[in-house]
PDB file of all heavy atoms in Angstrom:
ATOM      1  N   GLN A   1     124.471  97.299  67.734  1.00  0.00           N
ATOM      2  CA  GLN A   1     123.334  98.107  67.296  1.00  0.00           C
ATOM      3  C   GLN A   1     123.768  99.541  67.083  1.00  0.00           C
ATOM      4  O   GLN A   1     123.041 100.256  66.445  1.00  0.00           O
ATOM      5  CB  GLN A   1     122.178  97.971  68.279  1.00  0.00           C
ATOM      6  CG  GLN A   1     122.438  98.680  69.633  1.00  0.00           C
ATOM      7  CD  GLN A   1     121.214  98.579  70.568  1.00  0.00           C
ATOM      8  OE1 GLN A   1     120.099  98.536  70.133  1.00  0.00           O
ATOM      9  NE2 GLN A   1     121.497  98.538  71.842  1.00  0.00           N
ATOM     10  N   PHE A   2     124.915  99.951  67.602  1.00  0.00           N
ATOM     11  CA  PHE A   2     125.349 101.352  67.484  1.00  0.00           C
ATOM     12  C   PHE A   2     126.312 101.532  66.315  1.00  0.00           C
ATOM     13  O   PHE A   2     126.641 102.651  65.964  1.00  0.00           O
ATOM     14  CB  PHE A   2     126.056 101.769  68.772  1.00  0.00           C
ATOM     15  CG  PHE A   2     125.127 101.860  69.954  1.00  0.00           C
ATOM     16  CD1 PHE A   2     125.214 100.887  70.902  1.00  0.00           C
ATOM     17  CD2 PHE A   2     124.137 102.826  70.031  1.00  0.00           C
ATOM     18  CE1 PHE A   2     124.362 100.888  72.040  1.00  0.00           C
ATOM     19  CE2 PHE A   2     123.281 102.833  71.125  1.00  0.00           C
ATOM     20  CZ  PHE A   2     123.374 101.873  72.146  1.00  0.00           C
ATOM     21  N   THR A   3     126.784 100.476  65.695  1.00  0.00           N
ATOM     22  CA  THR A   3     127.784 100.618  64.564  1.00  0.00           C
ATOM     23  C   THR A   3     127.064 101.063  63.316  1.00  0.00           C
ATOM     24  O   THR A   3     125.846 100.933  63.191  1.00  0.00           O
ATOM     25  CB  THR A   3     128.545  99.305  64.337  1.00  0.00           C
ATOM     26  OG1 THR A   3     127.569  98.273  64.067  1.00  0.00           O
ATOM     27  CG2 THR A   3     129.277  98.925  65.581  1.00  0.00           C
ATOM     28  N   GLY A   4     127.793 101.596  62.392  1.00  0.00           N
ATOM     29  CA  GLY A   4     127.267 102.008  61.166  1.00  0.00           C
ATOM     30  C   GLY A   4     127.053 103.508  61.097  1.00  0.00           C
ATOM     31  O   GLY A   4     127.441 104.204  61.979  1.00  0.00           O
ATOM     32  N   PRO A   5     126.391 103.956  60.027  1.00  0.00           N
ATOM     33  CA  PRO A   5     126.200 105.362  59.876  1.00  0.00           C
ATOM     34  C   PRO A   5     125.496 106.141  60.970  1.00  0.00           C
ATOM     35  O   PRO A   5     125.819 107.275  61.274  1.00  0.00           O
ATOM     36  CB  PRO A   5     125.333 105.468  58.615  1.00  0.00           C
ATOM     37  CG  PRO A   5     125.567 104.086  57.857  1.00  0.00           C
ATOM     38  CD  PRO A   5     125.837 103.165  59.008  1.00  0.00           C
ATOM     39  N   ARG A   6     124.595 105.432  61.655  1.00  0.00           N
ATOM     40  CA  ARG A   6     123.894 106.149  62.801  1.00  0.00           C
ATOM     41  C   ARG A   6     124.851 106.606  63.844  1.00  0.00           C
ATOM     42  O   ARG A   6     124.664 107.630  64.466  1.00  0.00           O
ATOM     43  CB  ARG A   6     122.956 105.133  63.468  1.00  0.00           C
ATOM     44  CG  ARG A   6     121.623 104.947  62.843  1.00  0.00           C
ATOM     45  CD  ARG A   6     120.717 104.092  63.654  1.00  0.00           C
ATOM     46  NE  ARG A   6     120.902 104.263  65.110  1.00  0.00           N
ATOM     47  CZ  ARG A   6     120.773 103.298  65.958  1.00  0.00           C
ATOM     48  NH1 ARG A   6     120.537 102.057  65.636  1.00  0.00           N
ATOM     49  NH2 ARG A   6     120.944 103.544  67.260  1.00  0.00           N
ATOM     50  N   TRP A   7     125.931 105.852  64.039  1.00  0.00           N
ATOM     51  CA  TRP A   7     126.893 106.156  65.165  1.00  0.00           C
ATOM     52  C   TRP A   7     127.553 107.552  64.898  1.00  0.00           C
ATOM     53  O   TRP A   7     127.839 108.290  65.790  1.00  0.00           O
ATOM     54  CB  TRP A   7     127.966 105.112  65.211  1.00  0.00           C
ATOM     55  CG  TRP A   7     128.942 105.345  66.265  1.00  0.00           C
ATOM     56  CD1 TRP A   7     130.234 105.862  66.174  1.00  0.00           C
ATOM     57  CD2 TRP A   7     128.772 105.096  67.700  1.00  0.00           C
ATOM     58  NE1 TRP A   7     130.796 105.925  67.384  1.00  0.00           N
ATOM     59  CE2 TRP A   7     129.933 105.468  68.327  1.00  0.00           C
ATOM     60  CE3 TRP A   7     127.703 104.600  68.436  1.00  0.00           C
ATOM     61  CZ2 TRP A   7     130.082 105.315  69.688  1.00  0.00           C
ATOM     62  CZ3 TRP A   7     127.893 104.479  69.784  1.00  0.00           C
ATOM     63  CH2 TRP A   7     129.031 104.860  70.413  1.00  0.00           C
ATOM     64  N   PHE A   8     127.733 107.995  63.600  1.00  0.00           N
ATOM     65  CA  PHE A   8     128.418 109.157  63.344  1.00  0.00           C
ATOM     66  C   PHE A   8     127.570 110.378  63.057  1.00  0.00           C
ATOM     67  O   PHE A   8     127.971 111.436  62.699  1.00  0.00           O
ATOM     68  CB  PHE A   8     129.301 108.922  62.101  1.00  0.00           C
ATOM     69  CG  PHE A   8     130.358 107.886  62.369  1.00  0.00           C
ATOM     70  CD1 PHE A   8     130.186 106.562  61.891  1.00  0.00           C
ATOM     71  CD2 PHE A   8     131.475 108.133  63.130  1.00  0.00           C
ATOM     72  CE1 PHE A   8     131.130 105.620  62.164  1.00  0.00           C
ATOM     73  CE2 PHE A   8     132.388 107.177  63.422  1.00  0.00           C
ATOM     74  CZ  PHE A   8     132.231 105.923  62.934  1.00  0.00           C
ATOM     75  N   GLY A   9     126.248 110.205  63.333  1.00  0.00           N
ATOM     76  CA  GLY A   9     125.321 111.341  63.107  1.00  0.00           C
ATOM     77  C   GLY A   9     125.397 112.376  64.211  1.00  0.00           C
ATOM     78  O   GLY A   9     126.136 112.231  65.198  1.00  0.00           O
ATOM     79  N   THR A  10     124.602 113.401  64.080  1.00  0.00           N
ATOM     80  CA  THR A  10     124.567 114.411  65.139  1.00  0.00           C
ATOM     81  C   THR A  10     123.248 114.289  65.898  1.00  0.00           C
ATOM     82  O   THR A  10     122.296 113.669  65.394  1.00  0.00           O
ATOM     83  CB  THR A  10     124.665 115.799  64.493  1.00  0.00           C
ATOM     84  OG1 THR A  10     123.541 116.007  63.604  1.00  0.00           O
ATOM     85  CG2 THR A  10     125.933 116.046  63.801  1.00  0.00           C
ATOM     86  N   MET A  11     123.204 114.864  67.060  1.00  0.00           N
ATOM     87  CA  MET A  11     121.962 114.763  67.853  1.00  0.00           C
ATOM     88  C   MET A  11     121.807 115.989  68.706  1.00  0.00           C
ATOM     89  O   MET A  11     122.799 116.726  68.956  1.00  0.00           O
ATOM     90  CB  MET A  11     121.956 113.541  68.755  1.00  0.00           C
ATOM     91  CG  MET A  11     123.056 113.510  69.825  1.00  0.00           C
ATOM     92  SD  MET A  11     122.854 112.082  70.919  1.00  0.00           S
ATOM     93  CE  MET A  11     123.213 110.753  69.863  1.00  0.00           C
ATOM     94  N   ALA A  12     120.633 116.206  69.160  1.00  0.00           N
ATOM     95  CA  ALA A  12     120.335 117.367  70.020  1.00  0.00           C
ATOM     96  C   ALA A  12     120.831 117.076  71.428  1.00  0.00           C
ATOM     97  O   ALA A  12     120.932 115.911  71.840  1.00  0.00           O
ATOM     98  CB  ALA A  12     118.807 117.643  70.025  1.00  0.00           C
ATOM     99  N   LYS A  13     121.159 118.111  72.152  1.00  0.00           N
ATOM    100  CA  LYS A  13     121.625 117.965  73.545  1.00  0.00           C
ATOM    101  C   LYS A  13     120.735 117.194  74.415  1.00  0.00           C
ATOM    102  O   LYS A  13     121.153 116.337  75.185  1.00  0.00           O
ATOM    103  CB  LYS A  13     121.907 119.431  74.114  1.00  0.00           C
ATOM    104  CG  LYS A  13     122.393 119.366  75.565  1.00  0.00           C
ATOM    105  CD  LYS A  13     122.491 120.732  76.185  1.00  0.00           C
ATOM    106  CE  LYS A  13     122.915 120.712  77.599  1.00  0.00           C
ATOM    107  NZ  LYS A  13     122.260 119.796  78.483  1.00  0.00           N
ATOM    108  N   GLU A  14     119.400 117.408  74.258  1.00  0.00           N
ATOM    109  CA  GLU A  14     118.450 116.672  75.152  1.00  0.00           C
ATOM    110  C   GLU A  14     118.472 115.206  74.889  1.00  0.00           C
ATOM    111  O   GLU A  14     118.409 114.403  75.806  1.00  0.00           O
ATOM    112  CB  GLU A  14     116.999 117.255  74.881  1.00  0.00           C
ATOM    113  CG  GLU A  14     116.809 118.688  75.305  1.00  0.00           C
ATOM    114  CD  GLU A  14     117.379 119.719  74.360  1.00  0.00           C
ATOM    115  OE1 GLU A  14     117.617 119.367  73.182  1.00  0.00           O
ATOM    116  OE2 GLU A  14     117.582 120.898  74.777  1.00  0.00           O
ATOM    117  N   LYS A  15     118.629 114.869  73.632  1.00  0.00           N
ATOM    118  CA  LYS A  15     118.698 113.391  73.323  1.00  0.00           C
ATOM    119  C   LYS A  15     119.957 112.765  73.811  1.00  0.00           C
ATOM    120  O   LYS A  15     119.970 111.694  74.318  1.00  0.00           O
ATOM    121  CB  LYS A  15     118.594 113.197  71.768  1.00  0.00           C
ATOM    122  CG  LYS A  15     118.486 111.738  71.411  1.00  0.00           C
ATOM    123  CD  LYS A  15     118.161 111.598  69.931  1.00  0.00           C
ATOM    124  CE  LYS A  15     117.980 110.135  69.621  1.00  0.00           C
ATOM    125  NZ  LYS A  15     117.613 109.900  68.314  1.00  0.00           N
ATOM    126  N   PHE A  16     121.107 113.529  73.728  1.00  0.00           N
ATOM    127  CA  PHE A  16     122.352 112.956  74.258  1.00  0.00           C
ATOM    128  C   PHE A  16     122.293 112.814  75.747  1.00  0.00           C
ATOM    129  O   PHE A  16     122.658 111.756  76.306  1.00  0.00           O
ATOM    130  CB  PHE A  16     123.504 113.974  73.930  1.00  0.00           C
ATOM    131  CG  PHE A  16     124.834 113.557  74.493  1.00  0.00           C
ATOM    132  CD1 PHE A  16     125.604 112.585  73.837  1.00  0.00           C
ATOM    133  CD2 PHE A  16     125.216 113.962  75.751  1.00  0.00           C
ATOM    134  CE1 PHE A  16     126.757 112.207  74.386  1.00  0.00           C
ATOM    135  CE2 PHE A  16     126.427 113.585  76.283  1.00  0.00           C
ATOM    136  CZ  PHE A  16     127.179 112.657  75.624  1.00  0.00           C
ATOM    137  N   ASP A  17     121.764 113.858  76.449  1.00  0.00           N
ATOM    138  CA  ASP A  17     121.685 113.804  77.942  1.00  0.00           C
ATOM    139  C   ASP A  17     120.761 112.577  78.343  1.00  0.00           C
ATOM    140  O   ASP A  17     121.060 111.903  79.308  1.00  0.00           O
ATOM    141  CB  ASP A  17     121.154 115.121  78.528  1.00  0.00           C
ATOM    142  CG  ASP A  17     122.182 116.174  78.491  1.00  0.00           C
ATOM    143  OD1 ASP A  17     123.426 115.817  78.313  1.00  0.00           O
ATOM    144  OD2 ASP A  17     121.819 117.299  78.768  1.00  0.00           O
ATOM    145  N   ALA A  18     119.634 112.405  77.586  1.00  0.00           N
ATOM    146  CA  ALA A  18     118.753 111.283  77.946  1.00  0.00           C
ATOM    147  C   ALA A  18     119.365 109.994  77.801  1.00  0.00           C
ATOM    148  O   ALA A  18     119.032 109.057  78.533  1.00  0.00           O
ATOM    149  CB  ALA A  18     117.474 111.422  77.123  1.00  0.00           C
ATOM    150  N   GLY A  19     120.279 109.811  76.881  1.00  0.00           N
ATOM    151  CA  GLY A  19     120.951 108.513  76.606  1.00  0.00           C
ATOM    152  C   GLY A  19     122.299 108.384  77.201  1.00  0.00           C
ATOM    153  O   GLY A  19     123.016 107.411  77.076  1.00  0.00           O
ATOM    154  N   ASN A  20     122.745 109.446  77.897  1.00  0.00           N
ATOM    155  CA  ASN A  20     124.092 109.443  78.488  1.00  0.00           C
ATOM    156  C   ASN A  20     124.179 108.424  79.641  1.00  0.00           C
ATOM    157  O   ASN A  20     123.156 108.007  80.184  1.00  0.00           O
ATOM    158  CB  ASN A  20     124.438 110.833  79.023  1.00  0.00           C
ATOM    159  CG  ASN A  20     125.903 111.056  79.201  1.00  0.00           C
ATOM    160  OD1 ASN A  20     126.724 110.137  78.933  1.00  0.00           O
ATOM    161  ND2 ASN A  20     126.290 112.271  79.670  1.00  0.00           N
ATOM    162  N   TYR A  21     125.363 107.959  79.973  1.00  0.00           N
ATOM    163  CA  TYR A  21     125.558 107.106  81.095  1.00  0.00           C
ATOM    164  C   TYR A  21     125.018 107.696  82.314  1.00  0.00           C
ATOM    165  O   TYR A  21     125.195 108.921  82.600  1.00  0.00           O
ATOM    166  CB  TYR A  21     127.054 106.814  81.243  1.00  0.00           C
ATOM    167  CG  TYR A  21     127.629 106.108  80.029  1.00  0.00           C
ATOM    168  CD1 TYR A  21     128.401 106.839  79.197  1.00  0.00           C
ATOM    169  CD2 TYR A  21     127.348 104.821  79.765  1.00  0.00           C
ATOM    170  CE1 TYR A  21     128.931 106.205  78.057  1.00  0.00           C
ATOM    171  CE2 TYR A  21     127.828 104.144  78.623  1.00  0.00           C
ATOM    172  CZ  TYR A  21     128.637 104.853  77.817  1.00  0.00           C
ATOM    173  OH  TYR A  21     129.147 104.315  76.668  1.00  0.00           O
ATOM    174  N   LEU A  22     124.305 106.923  83.154  1.00  0.00           N
ATOM    175  CA  LEU A  22     123.746 107.472  84.360  1.00  0.00           C
ATOM    176  C   LEU A  22     124.898 107.753  85.425  1.00  0.00           C
ATOM    177  O   LEU A  22     125.943 107.138  85.395  1.00  0.00           O
ATOM    178  CB  LEU A  22     122.800 106.401  84.951  1.00  0.00           C
ATOM    179  CG  LEU A  22     121.602 106.090  84.072  1.00  0.00           C
ATOM    180  CD1 LEU A  22     120.788 104.977  84.638  1.00  0.00           C
ATOM    181  CD2 LEU A  22     120.763 107.301  83.802  1.00  0.00           C
ATOM    182  N   PRO A  23     124.616 108.623  86.351  1.00  0.00           N
ATOM    183  CA  PRO A  23     125.662 109.007  87.347  1.00  0.00           C
ATOM    184  C   PRO A  23     126.141 107.797  88.144  1.00  0.00           C
ATOM    185  O   PRO A  23     127.359 107.778  88.436  1.00  0.00           O
ATOM    186  CB  PRO A  23     124.896 110.027  88.298  1.00  0.00           C
ATOM    187  CG  PRO A  23     123.902 110.609  87.360  1.00  0.00           C
ATOM    188  CD  PRO A  23     123.446 109.532  86.475  1.00  0.00           C
ATOM    189  N   GLU A  24     125.324 106.782  88.377  1.00  0.00           N
ATOM    190  CA  GLU A  24     125.799 105.661  89.167  1.00  0.00           C
ATOM    191  C   GLU A  24     126.788 104.772  88.404  1.00  0.00           C
ATOM    192  O   GLU A  24     127.480 103.959  88.992  1.00  0.00           O
ATOM    193  CB  GLU A  24     124.659 104.837  89.680  1.00  0.00           C
ATOM    194  CG  GLU A  24     123.750 104.330  88.615  1.00  0.00           C
ATOM    195  CD  GLU A  24     122.475 105.202  88.522  1.00  0.00           C
ATOM    196  OE1 GLU A  24     122.508 106.410  88.888  1.00  0.00           O
ATOM    197  OE2 GLU A  24     121.449 104.711  88.013  1.00  0.00           O
ATOM    198  N   VAL A  25     126.935 105.033  87.104  1.00  0.00           N
ATOM    199  CA  VAL A  25     127.937 104.286  86.358  1.00  0.00           C
ATOM    200  C   VAL A  25     129.319 104.817  86.728  1.00  0.00           C
ATOM    201  O   VAL A  25     130.379 104.165  86.765  1.00  0.00           O
ATOM    202  CB  VAL A  25     127.692 104.334  84.846  1.00  0.00           C
ATOM    203  CG1 VAL A  25     128.869 103.780  84.036  1.00  0.00           C
ATOM    204  CG2 VAL A  25     126.474 103.574  84.498  1.00  0.00           C
ATOM    205  N   TYR A  26     129.419 106.143  86.999  1.00  0.00           N
ATOM    206  CA  TYR A  26     130.664 106.782  87.311  1.00  0.00           C
ATOM    207  C   TYR A  26     131.195 106.520  88.696  1.00  0.00           C
ATOM    208  O   TYR A  26     132.318 106.495  88.999  1.00  0.00           O
ATOM    209  CB  TYR A  26     130.585 108.286  87.083  1.00  0.00           C
ATOM    210  CG  TYR A  26     130.396 108.617  85.617  1.00  0.00           C
ATOM    211  CD1 TYR A  26     129.141 108.860  85.054  1.00  0.00           C
ATOM    212  CD2 TYR A  26     131.529 108.836  84.812  1.00  0.00           C
ATOM    213  CE1 TYR A  26     129.030 109.188  83.706  1.00  0.00           C
ATOM    214  CE2 TYR A  26     131.431 109.153  83.446  1.00  0.00           C
ATOM    215  CZ  TYR A  26     130.129 109.285  82.921  1.00  0.00           C
ATOM    216  OH  TYR A  26     129.983 109.661  81.586  1.00  0.00           O
ATOM    217  N   SER A  27     130.232 106.369  89.671  1.00  0.00           N
ATOM    218  CA  SER A  27     130.617 106.122  91.019  1.00  0.00           C
ATOM    219  C   SER A  27     129.399 105.591  91.820  1.00  0.00           C
ATOM    220  O   SER A  27     128.279 106.020  91.577  1.00  0.00           O
ATOM    221  CB  SER A  27     131.103 107.407  91.733  1.00  0.00           C
ATOM    222  OG  SER A  27     131.397 107.206  93.059  1.00  0.00           O
ATOM    223  N   LEU A  28     129.655 104.703  92.782  1.00  0.00           N
ATOM    224  CA  LEU A  28     128.596 104.278  93.666  1.00  0.00           C
ATOM    225  C   LEU A  28     128.180 105.322  94.644  1.00  0.00           C
ATOM    226  O   LEU A  28     127.097 105.309  95.257  1.00  0.00           O
ATOM    227  CB  LEU A  28     129.009 102.997  94.411  1.00  0.00           C
ATOM    228  CG  LEU A  28     129.210 101.735  93.515  1.00  0.00           C
ATOM    229  CD1 LEU A  28     129.728 100.616  94.336  1.00  0.00           C
ATOM    230  CD2 LEU A  28     127.904 101.372  92.811  1.00  0.00           C
ATOM    231  N   ASN A  29     129.046 106.334  94.864  1.00  0.00           N
ATOM    232  CA  ASN A  29     128.732 107.441  95.721  1.00  0.00           C
ATOM    233  C   ASN A  29     127.885 108.439  94.944  1.00  0.00           C
ATOM    234  O   ASN A  29     128.279 108.918  93.841  1.00  0.00           O
ATOM    235  CB  ASN A  29     130.051 108.161  96.200  1.00  0.00           C
ATOM    236  CG  ASN A  29     129.759 109.412  96.982  1.00  0.00           C
ATOM    237  OD1 ASN A  29     129.419 110.489  96.475  1.00  0.00           O
ATOM    238  ND2 ASN A  29     129.892 109.266  98.318  1.00  0.00           N
ATOM    239  N   ASP A  30     126.685 108.752  95.417  1.00  0.00           N
ATOM    240  CA  ASP A  30     125.819 109.608  94.613  1.00  0.00           C
ATOM    241  C   ASP A  30     126.316 110.996  94.229  1.00  0.00           C
ATOM    242  O   ASP A  30     126.184 111.312  93.056  1.00  0.00           O
ATOM    243  CB  ASP A  30     124.456 109.816  95.421  1.00  0.00           C
ATOM    244  CG  ASP A  30     123.608 108.565  95.546  1.00  0.00           C
ATOM    245  OD1 ASP A  30     123.823 107.627  94.726  1.00  0.00           O
ATOM    246  OD2 ASP A  30     122.718 108.509  96.423  1.00  0.00           O
ATOM    247  N   LYS A  31     126.959 111.688  95.140  1.00  0.00           N
ATOM    248  CA  LYS A  31     127.432 112.982  94.875  1.00  0.00           C
ATOM    249  C   LYS A  31     128.630 112.932  93.874  1.00  0.00           C
ATOM    250  O   LYS A  31     128.654 113.668  92.920  1.00  0.00           O
ATOM    251  CB  LYS A  31     127.917 113.747  96.140  1.00  0.00           C
ATOM    252  CG  LYS A  31     128.406 115.099  95.847  1.00  0.00           C
ATOM    253  CD  LYS A  31     128.876 115.857  96.996  1.00  0.00           C
ATOM    254  CE  LYS A  31     129.339 117.312  96.797  1.00  0.00           C
ATOM    255  NZ  LYS A  31     129.872 117.611  95.507  1.00  0.00           N
ATOM    256  N   THR A  32     129.572 111.962  94.109  1.00  0.00           N
ATOM    257  CA  THR A  32     130.705 111.836  93.235  1.00  0.00           C
ATOM    258  C   THR A  32     130.215 111.445  91.788  1.00  0.00           C
ATOM    259  O   THR A  32     130.657 111.981  90.779  1.00  0.00           O
ATOM    260  CB  THR A  32     131.677 110.745  93.726  1.00  0.00           C
ATOM    261  OG1 THR A  32     132.102 111.168  95.035  1.00  0.00           O
ATOM    262  CG2 THR A  32     132.845 110.630  92.795  1.00  0.00           C
ATOM    263  N   GLY A  33     129.254 110.479  91.718  1.00  0.00           N
ATOM    264  CA  GLY A  33     128.721 110.123  90.436  1.00  0.00           C
ATOM    265  C   GLY A  33     128.100 111.231  89.692  1.00  0.00           C
ATOM    266  O   GLY A  33     128.243 111.427  88.532  1.00  0.00           O
ATOM    267  N   LYS A  34     127.271 112.044  90.379  1.00  0.00           N
ATOM    268  CA  LYS A  34     126.655 113.240  89.768  1.00  0.00           C
ATOM    269  C   LYS A  34     127.642 114.242  89.271  1.00  0.00           C
ATOM    270  O   LYS A  34     127.566 114.804  88.182  1.00  0.00           O
ATOM    271  CB  LYS A  34     125.644 113.851  90.740  1.00  0.00           C
ATOM    272  CG  LYS A  34     124.916 115.030  90.204  1.00  0.00           C
ATOM    273  CD  LYS A  34     123.604 114.482  89.495  1.00  0.00           C
ATOM    274  CE  LYS A  34     122.743 115.696  89.255  1.00  0.00           C
ATOM    275  NZ  LYS A  34     122.048 115.592  88.016  1.00  0.00           N
ATOM    276  N   ASP A  35     128.695 114.546  90.160  1.00  0.00           N
ATOM    277  CA  ASP A  35     129.748 115.421  89.803  1.00  0.00           C
ATOM    278  C   ASP A  35     130.471 114.983  88.508  1.00  0.00           C
ATOM    279  O   ASP A  35     130.741 115.780  87.564  1.00  0.00           O
ATOM    280  CB  ASP A  35     130.702 115.669  90.905  1.00  0.00           C
ATOM    281  CG  ASP A  35     130.086 116.401  92.080  1.00  0.00           C
ATOM    282  OD1 ASP A  35     129.037 117.045  91.901  1.00  0.00           O
ATOM    283  OD2 ASP A  35     130.734 116.414  93.148  1.00  0.00           O
ATOM    284  N   LEU A  36     130.834 113.678  88.452  1.00  0.00           N
ATOM    285  CA  LEU A  36     131.599 113.181  87.318  1.00  0.00           C
ATOM    286  C   LEU A  36     130.675 113.186  86.109  1.00  0.00           C
ATOM    287  O   LEU A  36     131.151 113.490  84.969  1.00  0.00           O
ATOM    288  CB  LEU A  36     132.102 111.768  87.610  1.00  0.00           C
ATOM    289  CG  LEU A  36     133.203 111.730  88.690  1.00  0.00           C
ATOM    290  CD1 LEU A  36     133.467 110.271  89.068  1.00  0.00           C
ATOM    291  CD2 LEU A  36     134.483 112.332  88.139  1.00  0.00           C
TER     292      LEU A  36
END
């Protein structure tokens, strides 16, 4: 669903942050996940 022209567009910072990987994807430790 992400392939194609949409993938290469630009977006606002707020939209990127809202769709970014959640901190728990980076680490099961809350502080480490948030820092990463």
